[in-house]
């Protein structure tokens, strides 16, 4: 099994950790709101993530966060 290390030269594992944290945030905070009936579109979700997890958005970039949102919530948006 390959071991993943934080290599400052390529930053890919840091990027991967940020994506995992973002997925966890969506599962924990956003998905329950949607299932409870709160109307949220992509713009609302981006605002919520950006206001509560600005560092993750900064690490990944707004377009990447938007892409992840569309993958996770594609059929729910």
N, C-alpha and C. Protein backbone atom coordinates (compact mmCIF):
# COMPACT_ATOMS: atom_id res chain seq x y z
N UNK A 1 0.84 -1.17 0.00
CA UNK A 1 0.00 0.00 0.00
C UNK A 1 0.89 1.23 0.00
N UNK A 2 0.60 2.17 -0.86
CA UNK A 2 1.39 3.39 -0.97
C UNK A 2 1.13 4.31 0.21
N UNK A 3 2.16 4.98 0.64
CA UNK A 3 2.03 5.92 1.75
C UNK A 3 2.03 7.34 1.19
N UNK A 4 1.06 8.12 1.63
CA UNK A 4 0.94 9.51 1.18
C UNK A 4 1.63 10.39 2.19
N UNK A 5 2.50 11.26 1.70
CA UNK A 5 3.19 12.19 2.59
C UNK A 5 2.96 13.61 2.12
N UNK A 6 3.09 14.56 3.03
CA UNK A 6 2.98 15.96 2.66
C UNK A 6 4.29 16.41 2.07
N UNK A 7 4.31 16.58 0.78
CA UNK A 7 5.49 17.04 0.08
C UNK A 7 5.25 18.48 -0.33
N UNK A 8 5.97 19.44 0.28
CA UNK A 8 5.72 20.83 -0.06
C UNK A 8 5.93 21.15 -1.53
N UNK A 9 6.68 20.31 -2.22
CA UNK A 9 6.96 20.58 -3.63
C UNK A 9 5.72 20.40 -4.49
N UNK A 10 4.87 19.41 -4.17
CA UNK A 10 3.73 19.21 -5.06
C UNK A 10 2.39 19.54 -4.42
N UNK A 11 2.28 19.60 -3.13
CA UNK A 11 1.07 20.05 -2.45
C UNK A 11 -0.17 19.23 -2.74
N UNK A 12 -0.04 18.10 -3.43
CA UNK A 12 -1.24 17.35 -3.81
C UNK A 12 -1.93 16.73 -2.61
N UNK A 13 -1.19 16.29 -1.61
CA UNK A 13 -1.86 15.70 -0.45
C UNK A 13 -2.57 16.77 0.37
N UNK A 14 -2.04 17.98 0.40
CA UNK A 14 -2.72 19.07 1.08
C UNK A 14 -4.03 19.39 0.35
N UNK A 15 -3.97 19.39 -0.96
CA UNK A 15 -5.16 19.62 -1.78
C UNK A 15 -6.18 18.51 -1.53
N UNK A 16 -5.73 17.28 -1.45
CA UNK A 16 -6.62 16.15 -1.21
C UNK A 16 -7.25 16.25 0.17
N UNK A 17 -6.49 16.66 1.17
CA UNK A 17 -7.04 16.84 2.52
C UNK A 17 -8.11 17.93 2.53
N UNK A 18 -7.86 19.00 1.82
CA UNK A 18 -8.84 20.09 1.75
C UNK A 18 -10.13 19.59 1.10
N UNK A 19 -10.02 18.79 0.06
CA UNK A 19 -11.20 18.23 -0.59
C UNK A 19 -11.96 17.32 0.36
N UNK A 20 -11.24 16.52 1.13
CA UNK A 20 -11.90 15.63 2.09
C UNK A 20 -12.62 16.43 3.18
N UNK A 21 -11.99 17.49 3.66
CA UNK A 21 -12.61 18.34 4.66
C UNK A 21 -13.88 19.01 4.10
N UNK A 22 -13.80 19.41 2.86
CA UNK A 22 -14.95 20.03 2.21
C UNK A 22 -16.10 19.04 2.07
N UNK A 23 -15.80 17.81 1.65
CA UNK A 23 -16.82 16.77 1.54
C UNK A 23 -17.45 16.52 2.90
N UNK A 24 -16.63 16.45 3.95
CA UNK A 24 -17.15 16.23 5.29
C UNK A 24 -18.08 17.37 5.71
N UNK A 25 -17.69 18.59 5.42
CA UNK A 25 -18.52 19.75 5.74
C UNK A 25 -19.88 19.65 5.04
N UNK A 26 -19.87 19.29 3.76
CA UNK A 26 -21.11 19.16 3.01
C UNK A 26 -22.01 18.09 3.61
N UNK A 27 -21.43 16.94 3.92
CA UNK A 27 -22.22 15.84 4.50
C UNK A 27 -22.79 16.21 5.86
N UNK A 28 -22.02 16.94 6.65
CA UNK A 28 -22.43 17.25 8.02
C UNK A 28 -23.39 18.43 8.11
N UNK A 29 -23.20 19.46 7.31
CA UNK A 29 -23.96 20.69 7.48
C UNK A 29 -24.92 21.03 6.34
N UNK A 30 -24.53 20.79 5.12
CA UNK A 30 -25.35 21.21 3.98
C UNK A 30 -26.42 20.17 3.64
N UNK A 31 -26.03 18.91 3.52
CA UNK A 31 -26.99 17.87 3.13
C UNK A 31 -28.17 17.78 4.10
N UNK A 32 -27.97 17.84 5.42
CA UNK A 32 -29.14 17.80 6.32
C UNK A 32 -30.10 18.97 6.11
N UNK A 33 -29.57 20.14 5.78
CA UNK A 33 -30.44 21.28 5.50
C UNK A 33 -31.31 21.02 4.28
N UNK A 34 -30.70 20.46 3.26
CA UNK A 34 -31.44 20.17 2.02
C UNK A 34 -32.50 19.09 2.28
N UNK A 35 -32.11 18.06 3.01
CA UNK A 35 -33.07 16.98 3.31
C UNK A 35 -34.21 17.45 4.20
N UNK A 36 -33.96 18.47 5.02
CA UNK A 36 -35.01 19.02 5.88
C UNK A 36 -35.95 19.94 5.11
N UNK A 37 -35.64 20.20 3.86
CA UNK A 37 -36.52 20.99 3.02
C UNK A 37 -36.07 22.42 2.78
N UNK A 38 -34.92 22.81 3.28
CA UNK A 38 -34.42 24.17 3.03
C UNK A 38 -34.05 24.28 1.56
N UNK A 39 -34.56 25.32 0.94
CA UNK A 39 -34.25 25.56 -0.47
C UNK A 39 -32.88 26.20 -0.58
N UNK A 40 -31.94 25.50 -1.17
CA UNK A 40 -30.59 26.03 -1.36
C UNK A 40 -30.19 25.77 -2.80
N UNK A 41 -29.72 26.82 -3.45
CA UNK A 41 -29.17 26.64 -4.77
C UNK A 41 -27.65 26.71 -4.66
N UNK A 42 -26.99 26.58 -5.77
CA UNK A 42 -25.53 26.55 -5.79
C UNK A 42 -24.94 27.83 -5.19
N UNK A 43 -25.55 28.96 -5.49
CA UNK A 43 -25.06 30.24 -4.98
C UNK A 43 -25.15 30.29 -3.45
N UNK A 44 -26.27 29.80 -2.88
CA UNK A 44 -26.42 29.77 -1.43
C UNK A 44 -25.38 28.88 -0.77
N UNK A 45 -25.14 27.73 -1.37
CA UNK A 45 -24.16 26.79 -0.81
C UNK A 45 -22.75 27.38 -0.86
N UNK A 46 -22.41 28.00 -1.98
CA UNK A 46 -21.09 28.63 -2.10
C UNK A 46 -20.91 29.72 -1.05
N UNK A 47 -21.95 30.51 -0.83
CA UNK A 47 -21.87 31.56 0.17
C UNK A 47 -21.65 30.96 1.56
N UNK A 48 -22.40 29.92 1.88
CA UNK A 48 -22.29 29.29 3.19
C UNK A 48 -20.90 28.71 3.40
N UNK A 49 -20.39 28.01 2.42
CA UNK A 49 -19.05 27.42 2.54
C UNK A 49 -18.00 28.50 2.63
N UNK A 50 -18.12 29.52 1.81
CA UNK A 50 -17.13 30.59 1.79
C UNK A 50 -17.12 31.37 3.10
N UNK A 51 -18.27 31.52 3.74
CA UNK A 51 -18.31 32.27 5.00
C UNK A 51 -17.85 31.42 6.18
N UNK A 52 -18.03 30.10 6.10
CA UNK A 52 -17.65 29.25 7.23
C UNK A 52 -16.33 28.53 7.05
N UNK A 53 -15.92 28.31 5.85
CA UNK A 53 -14.66 27.62 5.56
C UNK A 53 -13.87 28.37 4.49
N UNK A 54 -13.54 29.65 4.74
CA UNK A 54 -12.86 30.43 3.70
C UNK A 54 -11.49 29.88 3.33
N UNK A 55 -10.82 29.29 4.29
CA UNK A 55 -9.49 28.74 3.99
C UNK A 55 -9.56 27.57 3.01
N UNK A 56 -10.57 26.73 3.16
CA UNK A 56 -10.74 25.62 2.22
C UNK A 56 -11.04 26.14 0.82
N UNK A 57 -11.89 27.14 0.75
CA UNK A 57 -12.23 27.72 -0.56
C UNK A 57 -10.99 28.35 -1.17
N UNK A 58 -10.18 28.99 -0.35
CA UNK A 58 -8.96 29.60 -0.84
C UNK A 58 -7.97 28.54 -1.34
N UNK A 59 -7.86 27.43 -0.61
CA UNK A 59 -6.94 26.36 -1.02
C UNK A 59 -7.38 25.70 -2.31
N UNK A 60 -8.67 25.44 -2.43
CA UNK A 60 -9.17 24.71 -3.58
C UNK A 60 -9.55 25.60 -4.76
N UNK A 61 -9.98 26.80 -4.48
CA UNK A 61 -10.45 27.69 -5.52
C UNK A 61 -11.96 27.59 -5.67
N UNK A 62 -12.58 28.68 -5.99
CA UNK A 62 -14.04 28.73 -6.09
C UNK A 62 -14.58 27.78 -7.14
N UNK A 63 -13.92 27.69 -8.28
CA UNK A 63 -14.41 26.81 -9.34
C UNK A 63 -14.35 25.35 -8.93
N UNK A 64 -13.30 24.96 -8.20
CA UNK A 64 -13.18 23.58 -7.74
C UNK A 64 -14.27 23.27 -6.72
N UNK A 65 -14.54 24.21 -5.81
CA UNK A 65 -15.60 24.02 -4.82
C UNK A 65 -16.95 23.90 -5.52
N UNK A 66 -17.17 24.74 -6.51
CA UNK A 66 -18.41 24.69 -7.28
C UNK A 66 -18.55 23.34 -7.99
N UNK A 67 -17.47 22.85 -8.54
CA UNK A 67 -17.49 21.56 -9.22
C UNK A 67 -17.81 20.43 -8.24
N UNK A 68 -17.20 20.47 -7.07
CA UNK A 68 -17.47 19.45 -6.05
C UNK A 68 -18.94 19.50 -5.62
N UNK A 69 -19.46 20.70 -5.43
CA UNK A 69 -20.88 20.85 -5.07
C UNK A 69 -21.77 20.23 -6.13
N UNK A 70 -21.47 20.48 -7.38
CA UNK A 70 -22.29 19.95 -8.46
C UNK A 70 -22.22 18.43 -8.50
N UNK A 71 -21.07 17.86 -8.19
CA UNK A 71 -20.94 16.40 -8.16
C UNK A 71 -21.74 15.82 -7.01
N UNK A 72 -21.58 16.39 -5.82
CA UNK A 72 -22.24 15.85 -4.63
C UNK A 72 -23.75 16.04 -4.69
N UNK A 73 -24.18 17.24 -5.06
CA UNK A 73 -25.59 17.58 -4.99
C UNK A 73 -26.25 17.69 -6.35
N UNK A 74 -25.63 17.15 -7.38
CA UNK A 74 -26.13 17.30 -8.73
C UNK A 74 -27.59 16.97 -8.91
N UNK A 75 -28.04 15.88 -8.33
CA UNK A 75 -29.45 15.49 -8.50
C UNK A 75 -30.35 16.18 -7.48
N UNK A 76 -29.77 16.85 -6.47
CA UNK A 76 -30.58 17.50 -5.45
C UNK A 76 -30.73 19.00 -5.72
N UNK A 77 -29.91 19.57 -6.62
CA UNK A 77 -29.98 21.00 -6.92
C UNK A 77 -31.09 21.28 -7.92
